[in-house]
Protein backbone atom coordinates (compact mmCIF):
# COMPACT_ATOMS: atom_id res chain seq x y z
CA UNK A 1 -109.95 -38.21 57.17
CA UNK A 2 -106.77 -37.53 55.18
CA UNK A 3 -108.11 -34.20 54.00
CA UNK A 4 -108.93 -33.17 57.56
CA UNK A 5 -105.48 -34.18 58.78
CA UNK A 6 -103.79 -32.27 55.95
CA UNK A 7 -105.88 -29.23 56.83
CA UNK A 8 -105.00 -29.47 60.52
CA UNK A 9 -101.29 -29.78 59.73
CA UNK A 10 -101.42 -26.82 57.38
CA UNK A 11 -102.83 -24.75 60.24
CA UNK A 12 -100.22 -25.83 62.77
CA UNK A 13 -97.70 -23.01 62.77
CA UNK A 14 -95.54 -24.14 65.66
CA UNK A 15 -95.54 -23.65 69.39
CA UNK A 16 -98.31 -21.63 70.99
CA UNK A 17 -97.15 -18.18 72.14
CA UNK A 18 -93.40 -18.77 71.76
CA UNK A 19 -92.76 -15.17 72.80
CA UNK A 20 -93.91 -16.08 76.32
CA UNK A 21 -91.01 -18.48 76.75
CA UNK A 22 -91.27 -21.12 79.47
CA UNK A 23 -94.16 -19.45 81.31
CA UNK A 24 -95.99 -22.14 83.30
CA UNK A 25 -99.43 -21.07 82.15
CA UNK A 26 -98.64 -21.81 78.49
CA UNK A 27 -96.32 -24.83 78.57
CA UNK A 28 -99.13 -27.35 79.07
CA UNK A 29 -101.12 -26.07 76.10
CA UNK A 30 -97.97 -25.90 74.01
CA UNK A 31 -97.14 -29.52 74.70
CA UNK A 32 -100.71 -30.72 74.06
CA UNK A 33 -100.91 -28.97 70.68
CA UNK A 34 -97.44 -30.14 69.69
CA UNK A 35 -98.21 -33.78 70.50
CA UNK A 36 -101.59 -33.63 68.76
CA UNK A 37 -100.04 -32.11 65.63
CA UNK A 38 -97.31 -34.77 65.56
CA UNK A 39 -99.92 -37.49 66.05
CA UNK A 40 -101.98 -36.03 63.20
CA UNK A 41 -98.91 -36.11 60.94
CA UNK A 42 -98.21 -39.74 61.91
CA UNK A 43 -101.83 -40.69 61.23
CA UNK A 44 -101.67 -38.96 57.88
CA UNK A 45 -98.48 -40.85 57.03
CA UNK A 46 -100.23 -44.15 57.70
CA UNK A 47 -103.17 -43.12 55.50
CA UNK A 48 -100.93 -41.92 52.67
CA UNK A 49 -99.08 -45.23 52.74
CA UNK A 50 -102.39 -47.07 52.63
CA UNK A 51 -103.37 -44.94 49.61
CA UNK A 52 -100.12 -46.01 47.93
CA UNK A 53 -98.45 -42.59 47.99
CA UNK A 54 -95.06 -43.30 49.56
CA UNK A 55 -93.76 -39.79 48.87
CA UNK A 56 -96.67 -38.17 50.72
CA UNK A 57 -96.28 -40.72 53.53
CA UNK A 58 -92.60 -39.84 53.94
CA UNK A 59 -93.44 -36.12 53.93
CA UNK A 60 -96.11 -36.55 56.61
CA UNK A 61 -93.93 -38.82 58.76
CA UNK A 62 -90.99 -36.40 58.43
CA UNK A 63 -93.29 -33.57 59.50
CA UNK A 64 -94.24 -35.59 62.59
CA UNK A 65 -90.58 -35.84 63.62
CA UNK A 66 -90.04 -32.16 62.79
CA UNK A 67 -92.99 -31.12 64.97
CA UNK A 68 -92.03 -33.28 67.94
CA UNK A 69 -88.62 -34.93 67.72
CA UNK A 70 -89.07 -36.35 71.24
CA UNK A 71 -92.21 -38.33 70.41
CA UNK A 72 -91.49 -42.03 69.98
CA UNK A 73 -94.46 -42.57 67.64
CA UNK A 74 -93.14 -39.96 65.21
CA UNK A 75 -89.85 -41.80 64.79
CA UNK A 76 -91.46 -45.24 64.59
CA UNK A 77 -93.83 -44.01 61.88
CA UNK A 78 -91.01 -42.46 59.83
CA UNK A 79 -88.95 -45.63 60.14
CA UNK A 80 -91.89 -47.82 59.10
CA UNK A 81 -92.67 -45.63 56.09
CA UNK A 82 -89.06 -45.75 54.86
CA UNK A 83 -88.92 -49.52 55.30
CA UNK A 84 -92.20 -50.12 53.49
CA UNK A 85 -91.24 -47.83 50.66
CA UNK A 86 -87.98 -49.77 50.28
CA UNK A 87 -85.64 -46.87 51.02
CA UNK A 88 -82.97 -48.75 52.96
CA UNK A 89 -80.60 -45.79 53.28
CA UNK A 90 -83.30 -43.46 54.60
CA UNK A 91 -84.43 -46.17 57.02
CA UNK A 92 -80.85 -46.53 58.33
CA UNK A 93 -80.52 -42.74 58.77
CA UNK A 94 -83.85 -42.67 60.58
CA UNK A 95 -82.75 -45.50 62.88
CA UNK A 96 -79.64 -43.48 63.77
CA UNK A 97 -81.72 -40.38 64.50
CA UNK A 98 -84.21 -42.39 66.56
CA UNK A 99 -81.39 -43.99 68.53
CA UNK A 100 -79.81 -40.57 69.11
CA UNK A 101 -83.09 -39.25 70.49
CA UNK A 102 -83.41 -42.21 72.87
CA UNK A 103 -79.81 -41.77 74.01
CA UNK A 104 -80.44 -38.07 74.65
CA UNK A 105 -83.43 -39.03 76.79
CA UNK A 106 -81.36 -41.63 78.64
CA UNK A 107 -83.50 -44.61 77.65
CA UNK A 108 -80.82 -46.34 75.54
């Protein structure tokens, strides 16, 4: 599973057809692929942590936030990975970023 997720993330190159801007016909596909890629990165982070590779888990969780900074699960995964790996400072920075995202969305 981890190998498949790594492969999928390596293939994700960003938004679908960015040159077409906000065209209605592409925005739905763009959002679906973005969310799926971020979910794949979060899933990979959980697996890497289970395998005992905190560095790979942080990289995957960070990639999830990079892919979709508006996805709650991406932030929660990154925060959990930092906490479990014992990186208190990184966890605090992540909490600030997560809070900032929620404020920007008007939910906090």
